[in-house]
C-alpha atoms as a PDB file:
ATOM      1  CA  UNK A   1    -149.376-119.263 293.425  1.00  0.00           C
ATOM      2  CA  UNK A   2    -151.988-117.073 295.022  1.00  0.00           C
ATOM      3  CA  UNK A   3    -152.263-113.576 293.601  1.00  0.00           C
ATOM      4  CA  UNK A   4    -151.579-110.930 296.271  1.00  0.00           C
ATOM      5  CA  UNK A   5    -154.990-109.312 295.754  1.00  0.00           C
ATOM      6  CA  UNK A   6    -156.661-112.596 296.733  1.00  0.00           C
ATOM      7  CA  UNK A   7    -154.950-112.357 300.128  1.00  0.00           C
ATOM      8  CA  UNK A   8    -156.405-108.921 300.885  1.00  0.00           C
ATOM      9  CA  UNK A   9    -158.604-108.702 303.907  1.00  0.00           C
ATOM     10  CA  UNK A  10    -162.176-107.470 303.309  1.00  0.00           C
ATOM     11  CA  UNK A  11    -162.631-103.761 303.962  1.00  0.00           C
ATOM     12  CA  UNK A  12    -158.958-102.853 303.460  1.00  0.00           C
ATOM     13  CA  UNK A  13    -158.124-100.504 300.633  1.00  0.00           C
ATOM     14  CA  UNK A  14    -154.308-100.643 300.670  1.00  0.00           C
ATOM     15  CA  UNK A  15    -151.995-103.613 300.347  1.00  0.00           C
ATOM     16  CA  UNK A  16    -151.096-105.414 303.563  1.00  0.00           C
ATOM     17  CA  UNK A  17    -147.528-106.022 304.689  1.00  0.00           C
ATOM     18  CA  UNK A  18    -147.856-109.644 303.559  1.00  0.00           C
ATOM     19  CA  UNK A  19    -148.946-108.509 300.087  1.00  0.00           C
ATOM     20  CA  UNK A  20    -145.953-106.199 299.883  1.00  0.00           C
ATOM     21  CA  UNK A  21    -143.616-109.014 300.918  1.00  0.00           C
ATOM     22  CA  UNK A  22    -145.161-111.354 298.363  1.00  0.00           C
ATOM     23  CA  UNK A  23    -144.878-108.745 295.607  1.00  0.00           C
ATOM     24  CA  UNK A  24    -141.229-108.123 296.541  1.00  0.00           C
ATOM     25  CA  UNK A  25    -140.531-111.851 296.449  1.00  0.00           C
ATOM     26  CA  UNK A  26    -142.178-112.115 293.019  1.00  0.00           C
ATOM     27  CA  UNK A  27    -140.023-109.222 291.727  1.00  0.00           C
ATOM     28  CA  UNK A  28    -136.870-110.888 293.040  1.00  0.00           C
ATOM     29  CA  UNK A  29    -137.812-114.165 291.368  1.00  0.00           C
ATOM     30  CA  UNK A  30    -138.462-112.321 288.107  1.00  0.00           C
ATOM     31  CA  UNK A  31    -135.059-110.579 288.264  1.00  0.00           C
ATOM     32  CA  UNK A  32    -133.242-113.856 288.918  1.00  0.00           C
ATOM     33  CA  UNK A  33    -135.135-115.576 286.100  1.00  0.00           C
ATOM     34  CA  UNK A  34    -134.406-112.765 283.628  1.00  0.00           C
ATOM     35  CA  UNK A  35    -130.706-112.669 284.550  1.00  0.00           C
ATOM     36  CA  UNK A  36    -130.255-116.430 284.221  1.00  0.00           C
ATOM     37  CA  UNK A  37    -132.305-116.563 281.025  1.00  0.00           C
ATOM     38  CA  UNK A  38    -130.174-113.754 279.578  1.00  0.00           C
ATOM     39  CA  UNK A  39    -126.984-115.612 280.461  1.00  0.00           C
ATOM     40  CA  UNK A  40    -128.248-118.796 278.836  1.00  0.00           C
ATOM     41  CA  UNK A  41    -129.483-117.008 275.720  1.00  0.00           C
ATOM     42  CA  UNK A  42    -126.184-115.135 275.317  1.00  0.00           C
ATOM     43  CA  UNK A  43    -124.294-118.412 275.589  1.00  0.00           C
ATOM     44  CA  UNK A  44    -126.534-120.286 273.162  1.00  0.00           C
ATOM     45  CA  UNK A  45    -126.894-117.563 270.543  1.00  0.00           C
ATOM     46  CA  UNK A  46    -123.206-116.718 270.808  1.00  0.00           C
ATOM     47  CA  UNK A  47    -122.443-120.325 269.931  1.00  0.00           C
ATOM     48  CA  UNK A  48    -124.976-120.385 267.089  1.00  0.00           C
ATOM     49  CA  UNK A  49    -123.611-117.120 265.639  1.00  0.00           C
ATOM     50  CA  UNK A  50    -120.059-118.427 265.898  1.00  0.00           C
ATOM     51  CA  UNK A  51    -120.989-121.548 263.976  1.00  0.00           C
ATOM     52  CA  UNK A  52    -122.992-119.558 261.403  1.00  0.00           C
ATOM     53  CA  UNK A  53    -120.563-116.696 260.742  1.00  0.00           C
ATOM     54  CA  UNK A  54    -117.137-117.943 261.795  1.00  0.00           C
ATOM     55  CA  UNK A  55    -117.008-121.479 260.477  1.00  0.00           C
ATOM     56  CA  UNK A  56    -113.217-121.488 260.061  1.00  0.00           C
ATOM     57  CA  UNK A  57    -112.780-120.439 263.715  1.00  0.00           C
ATOM     58  CA  UNK A  58    -115.310-123.023 264.911  1.00  0.00           C
ATOM     59  CA  UNK A  59    -113.603-125.686 262.808  1.00  0.00           C
ATOM     60  CA  UNK A  60    -110.084-124.856 263.988  1.00  0.00           C
ATOM     61  CA  UNK A  61    -108.522-127.695 265.922  1.00  0.00           C
ATOM     62  CA  UNK A  62    -107.677-127.302 269.583  1.00  0.00           C
ATOM     63  CA  UNK A  63    -106.213-130.809 269.721  1.00  0.00           C
ATOM     64  CA  UNK A  64    -106.195-133.624 267.181  1.00  0.00           C
ATOM     65  CA  UNK A  65    -109.833-134.571 266.631  1.00  0.00           C
ATOM     66  CA  UNK A  66    -111.204-131.734 268.819  1.00  0.00           C
ATOM     67  CA  UNK A  67    -112.384-128.486 267.243  1.00  0.00           C
ATOM     68  CA  UNK A  68    -113.374-125.228 268.911  1.00  0.00           C
ATOM     69  CA  UNK A  69    -116.961-125.856 267.764  1.00  0.00           C
ATOM     70  CA  UNK A  70    -117.185-129.177 269.600  1.00  0.00           C
ATOM     71  CA  UNK A  71    -115.505-127.753 272.694  1.00  0.00           C
ATOM     72  CA  UNK A  72    -117.813-124.717 272.789  1.00  0.00           C
ATOM     73  CA  UNK A  73    -120.853-126.923 272.108  1.00  0.00           C
ATOM     74  CA  UNK A  74    -120.013-128.912 275.225  1.00  0.00           C
ATOM     75  CA  UNK A  75    -119.528-125.621 277.082  1.00  0.00           C
ATOM     76  CA  UNK A  76    -123.090-124.576 276.142  1.00  0.00           C
ATOM     77  CA  UNK A  77    -124.382-127.753 277.801  1.00  0.00           C
ATOM     78  CA  UNK A  78    -122.229-127.173 280.883  1.00  0.00           C
ATOM     79  CA  UNK A  79    -123.464-123.566 281.135  1.00  0.00           C
ATOM     80  CA  UNK A  80    -127.062-124.841 280.994  1.00  0.00           C
ATOM     81  CA  UNK A  81    -126.359-127.165 283.934  1.00  0.00           C
ATOM     82  CA  UNK A  82    -124.643-124.377 285.882  1.00  0.00           C
ATOM     83  CA  UNK A  83    -127.498-121.914 285.260  1.00  0.00           C
ATOM     84  CA  UNK A  84    -130.016-124.543 286.359  1.00  0.00           C
ATOM     85  CA  UNK A  85    -127.948-125.282 289.456  1.00  0.00           C
ATOM     86  CA  UNK A  86    -127.719-121.601 290.347  1.00  0.00           C
ATOM     87  CA  UNK A  87    -131.494-121.275 290.107  1.00  0.00           C
ATOM     88  CA  UNK A  88    -132.137-124.416 292.171  1.00  0.00           C
ATOM     89  CA  UNK A  89    -129.760-123.296 294.926  1.00  0.00           C
ATOM     90  CA  UNK A  90    -131.275-119.798 294.946  1.00  0.00           C
ATOM     91  CA  UNK A  91    -134.848-121.107 294.942  1.00  0.00           C
ATOM     92  CA  UNK A  92    -134.212-123.650 297.688  1.00  0.00           C
ATOM     93  CA  UNK A  93    -132.262-121.318 299.948  1.00  0.00           C
ATOM     94  CA  UNK A  94    -134.140-118.051 299.511  1.00  0.00           C
ATOM     95  CA  UNK A  95    -137.344-118.196 297.485  1.00  0.00           C
ATOM     96  CA  UNK A  96    -138.905-121.338 298.955  1.00  0.00           C
ATOM     97  CA  UNK A  97    -137.891-120.354 302.487  1.00  0.00           C
ATOM     98  CA  UNK A  98    -139.469-116.892 302.249  1.00  0.00           C
ATOM     99  CA  UNK A  99    -142.567-118.234 300.483  1.00  0.00           C
ATOM    100  CA  UNK A 100    -143.080-120.799 303.235  1.00  0.00           C
ATOM    101  CA  UNK A 101    -142.751-118.044 305.864  1.00  0.00           C
ATOM    102  CA  UNK A 102    -145.441-116.026 304.076  1.00  0.00           C
ATOM    103  CA  UNK A 103    -147.708-119.072 303.845  1.00  0.00           C
ATOM    104  CA  UNK A 104    -147.234-119.861 307.530  1.00  0.00           C
ATOM    105  CA  UNK A 105    -148.066-116.261 308.452  1.00  0.00           C
ATOM    106  CA  UNK A 106    -151.212-116.428 306.309  1.00  0.00           C
ATOM    107  CA  UNK A 107    -152.270-119.690 307.995  1.00  0.00           C
ATOM    108  CA  UNK A 108    -151.729-118.201 311.459  1.00  0.00           C
ATOM    109  CA  UNK A 109    -153.937-115.220 310.661  1.00  0.00           C
ATOM    110  CA  UNK A 110    -156.876-117.374 309.651  1.00  0.00           C
END
C-alpha cells in the first residue's frame, strides 16, 4: 500500500482530497480489524478461561458423549469462520471497491 504522503503533489503543503480519502479508508479498515479481532479474542479467551477455571461446567454433558467443552470448542472454530467471512465480505464490497476508485483517480491524474 502506498503511504498517503507519497501521493502528495510537489509544492503542496496540505493533504489532497485523495490523501484524506485514503486516510479515512485506512481508519475504517483499522476499526473493522480491531472489532473483529476483539470478537475473536473474546471468544477464544472466554473458552480458554472456561476450560481453565470451570472444568466441571466444561465437562458437563449436553447429550451422551457430548460435553459443553467440546460443543463450545466447535463454536470457537465456527466463530473464526464467521469473523473471517465478515471481513472478506466487507473487504470485497467496500474496502477493495473504494481502494480501486482511489487508484483509478491517481492513474487519471498522472
